[in-house]
Amino acid sequence: MTASLKFAPSHEWVQVNGDGTVTVGISEHAQELLGDVVFVELPEIGQEVTAGTEFSLVESVKAASDIYAPVSGEVVEVNETLDEAPETINESPLDTGWIAKIKLSNESDLDNLMDEAAYKETLD
């Protein structure tokens, strides 16, 4: 993991891209709990999302899990690779398995997220 990632209590991660956008995915821990991912419902480009509300869905052989927006803003890009290869989330949840990029509407949303150390403490 990288120090630039921030985490939500609901196991999503955020990487600040430095251009007013963030990249969002699910944590290593979350993908381990889910097991083999077989489908990802991506949000729509242009969709407005609110921090703490559902914006995506990940289905595995075990369960379907809602993915919550860790920040508010507009979805500006989705990881279309996941349409054909949803298992990318299992293989690389913190890199190529990202779900969406969101243009922040309120940068202070980032203040509500945890750094890696604080997130790991919640898992113990």
Protein backbone atom coordinates (compact mmCIF):
# COMPACT_ATOMS: atom_id res chain seq x y z
CA MET A 1 0.00 0.00 0.00
CA THR A 2 1.03 3.53 -0.48
CA ALA A 3 1.03 6.39 1.99
CA SER A 4 -1.00 8.57 -0.39
CA LEU A 5 -4.07 6.36 -0.02
CA LYS A 6 -6.87 7.26 2.37
CA PHE A 7 -9.51 4.79 3.54
CA ALA A 8 -13.19 4.88 4.46
CA PRO A 9 -14.51 2.72 7.32
CA SER A 10 -16.56 0.86 4.68
CA HIS A 11 -13.28 -0.38 3.05
CA GLU A 12 -13.03 1.91 0.03
CA TRP A 13 -9.74 3.64 -0.73
CA VAL A 14 -9.11 7.05 -2.26
CA GLN A 15 -6.02 8.30 -4.05
CA VAL A 16 -5.79 12.06 -4.55
CA ASN A 17 -4.69 12.69 -8.13
CA GLY A 18 -3.66 16.34 -7.65
CA ASP A 19 -6.02 17.65 -10.36
CA GLY A 20 -9.23 17.94 -8.35
CA THR A 21 -10.05 14.28 -8.91
CA VAL A 22 -9.62 11.15 -6.82
CA THR A 23 -9.40 7.50 -7.83
CA VAL A 24 -11.59 5.11 -5.81
CA GLY A 25 -11.41 1.35 -5.28
CA ILE A 26 -11.84 -1.24 -2.55
CA SER A 27 -9.20 -2.31 -0.07
CA GLU A 28 -7.16 -5.49 -0.06
CA HIS A 29 -9.12 -6.53 3.04
CA ALA A 30 -12.48 -5.99 1.30
CA GLN A 31 -11.56 -8.06 -1.75
CA GLU A 32 -10.29 -10.86 0.52
CA LEU A 33 -13.64 -10.91 2.35
CA LEU A 34 -15.55 -10.97 -0.92
CA GLY A 35 -13.59 -13.76 -2.53
CA ASP A 36 -13.50 -14.21 -6.30
CA VAL A 37 -15.11 -11.16 -7.94
CA VAL A 38 -17.33 -12.12 -10.88
CA PHE A 39 -19.14 -8.85 -11.71
CA VAL A 40 -18.75 -5.13 -11.07
CA GLU A 41 -21.59 -2.67 -11.60
CA LEU A 42 -19.81 0.54 -12.51
CA PRO A 43 -21.31 3.96 -11.82
CA GLU A 44 -22.34 6.13 -14.78
CA ILE A 45 -19.98 8.82 -16.06
CA GLY A 46 -21.54 12.15 -15.11
CA GLN A 47 -23.32 10.64 -12.10
CA GLU A 48 -23.30 12.84 -9.00
CA VAL A 49 -22.37 10.86 -5.91
CA THR A 50 -22.63 11.77 -2.23
CA ALA A 51 -20.12 10.60 0.35
CA GLY A 52 -21.47 7.60 2.25
CA THR A 53 -24.03 6.56 -0.36
CA GLU A 54 -23.95 3.53 -2.67
CA PHE A 55 -22.42 4.18 -6.08
CA SER A 56 -21.24 0.78 -7.27
CA LEU A 57 -21.77 -2.91 -6.63
CA VAL A 58 -19.25 -5.74 -6.56
CA GLU A 59 -20.49 -9.33 -6.85
CA SER A 60 -18.37 -12.32 -5.92
CA VAL A 61 -18.99 -16.05 -5.78
CA LYS A 62 -19.88 -15.51 -2.09
CA ALA A 63 -21.94 -12.31 -2.01
CA ALA A 64 -22.86 -8.99 -3.54
CA SER A 65 -21.53 -5.94 -1.77
CA ASP A 66 -22.49 -2.29 -2.16
CA ILE A 67 -19.59 0.07 -2.67
CA TYR A 68 -20.02 3.47 -1.04
CA ALA A 69 -18.70 6.74 -2.38
CA PRO A 70 -16.00 7.88 0.06
CA VAL A 71 -16.30 11.47 -1.24
CA SER A 72 -18.92 13.62 -2.95
CA GLY A 73 -18.59 14.72 -6.53
CA GLU A 74 -19.08 13.77 -10.16
CA VAL A 75 -17.96 10.47 -11.67
CA VAL A 76 -15.61 11.48 -14.50
CA GLU A 77 -14.14 8.10 -15.46
CA VAL A 78 -14.84 4.41 -14.79
CA ASN A 79 -12.52 1.43 -15.08
CA GLU A 80 -14.04 -0.31 -18.11
CA THR A 81 -11.47 -3.11 -17.76
CA LEU A 82 -13.70 -4.42 -14.96
CA ASP A 83 -16.54 -5.12 -17.44
CA GLU A 84 -14.47 -7.83 -19.12
CA ALA A 85 -12.13 -8.72 -16.24
CA PRO A 86 -13.82 -8.15 -12.85
CA GLU A 87 -11.18 -10.40 -11.26
CA THR A 88 -8.76 -7.46 -11.67
CA ILE A 89 -10.12 -6.29 -8.30
CA ASN A 90 -8.80 -9.50 -6.69
CA GLU A 91 -5.49 -9.37 -8.54
CA SER A 92 -4.69 -5.70 -7.93
CA PRO A 93 -7.26 -3.97 -5.68
CA LEU A 94 -5.01 -0.99 -4.93
CA ASP A 95 -3.79 -0.38 -8.48
CA THR A 96 -5.35 -1.63 -11.73
CA GLY A 97 -8.51 -2.77 -9.89
CA TRP A 98 -9.73 0.79 -9.26
CA ILE A 99 -13.45 1.41 -9.84
CA ALA A 100 -13.96 5.08 -10.68
CA LYS A 101 -12.50 8.56 -10.72
CA ILE A 102 -14.51 11.30 -9.05
CA LYS A 103 -14.16 15.07 -9.44
CA LEU A 104 -14.37 16.31 -5.86
CA SER A 105 -17.19 18.71 -5.03
CA ASN A 106 -15.96 19.19 -1.46
CA GLU A 107 -12.28 18.66 -0.70
CA SER A 108 -13.01 18.56 3.04
CA ASP A 109 -14.55 15.09 2.47
CA LEU A 110 -10.95 13.86 2.44
CA ASP A 111 -10.60 14.93 6.09
CA ASN A 112 -13.16 12.27 7.06
CA LEU A 113 -10.99 9.45 5.71
CA MET A 114 -8.26 7.49 7.52
CA ASP A 115 -4.62 6.98 6.66
CA GLU A 116 -3.39 3.41 6.19
CA ALA A 117 -2.28 2.96 9.82
CA ALA A 118 -5.63 4.10 11.25
CA TYR A 119 -7.50 1.91 8.74
CA LYS A 120 -5.44 -1.16 9.66
CA GLU A 121 -6.25 -0.57 13.35
CA THR A 122 -9.97 -0.85 12.52
CA LEU A 123 -9.34 -4.32 11.06
CA ASP A 124 -7.81 -5.77 14.23
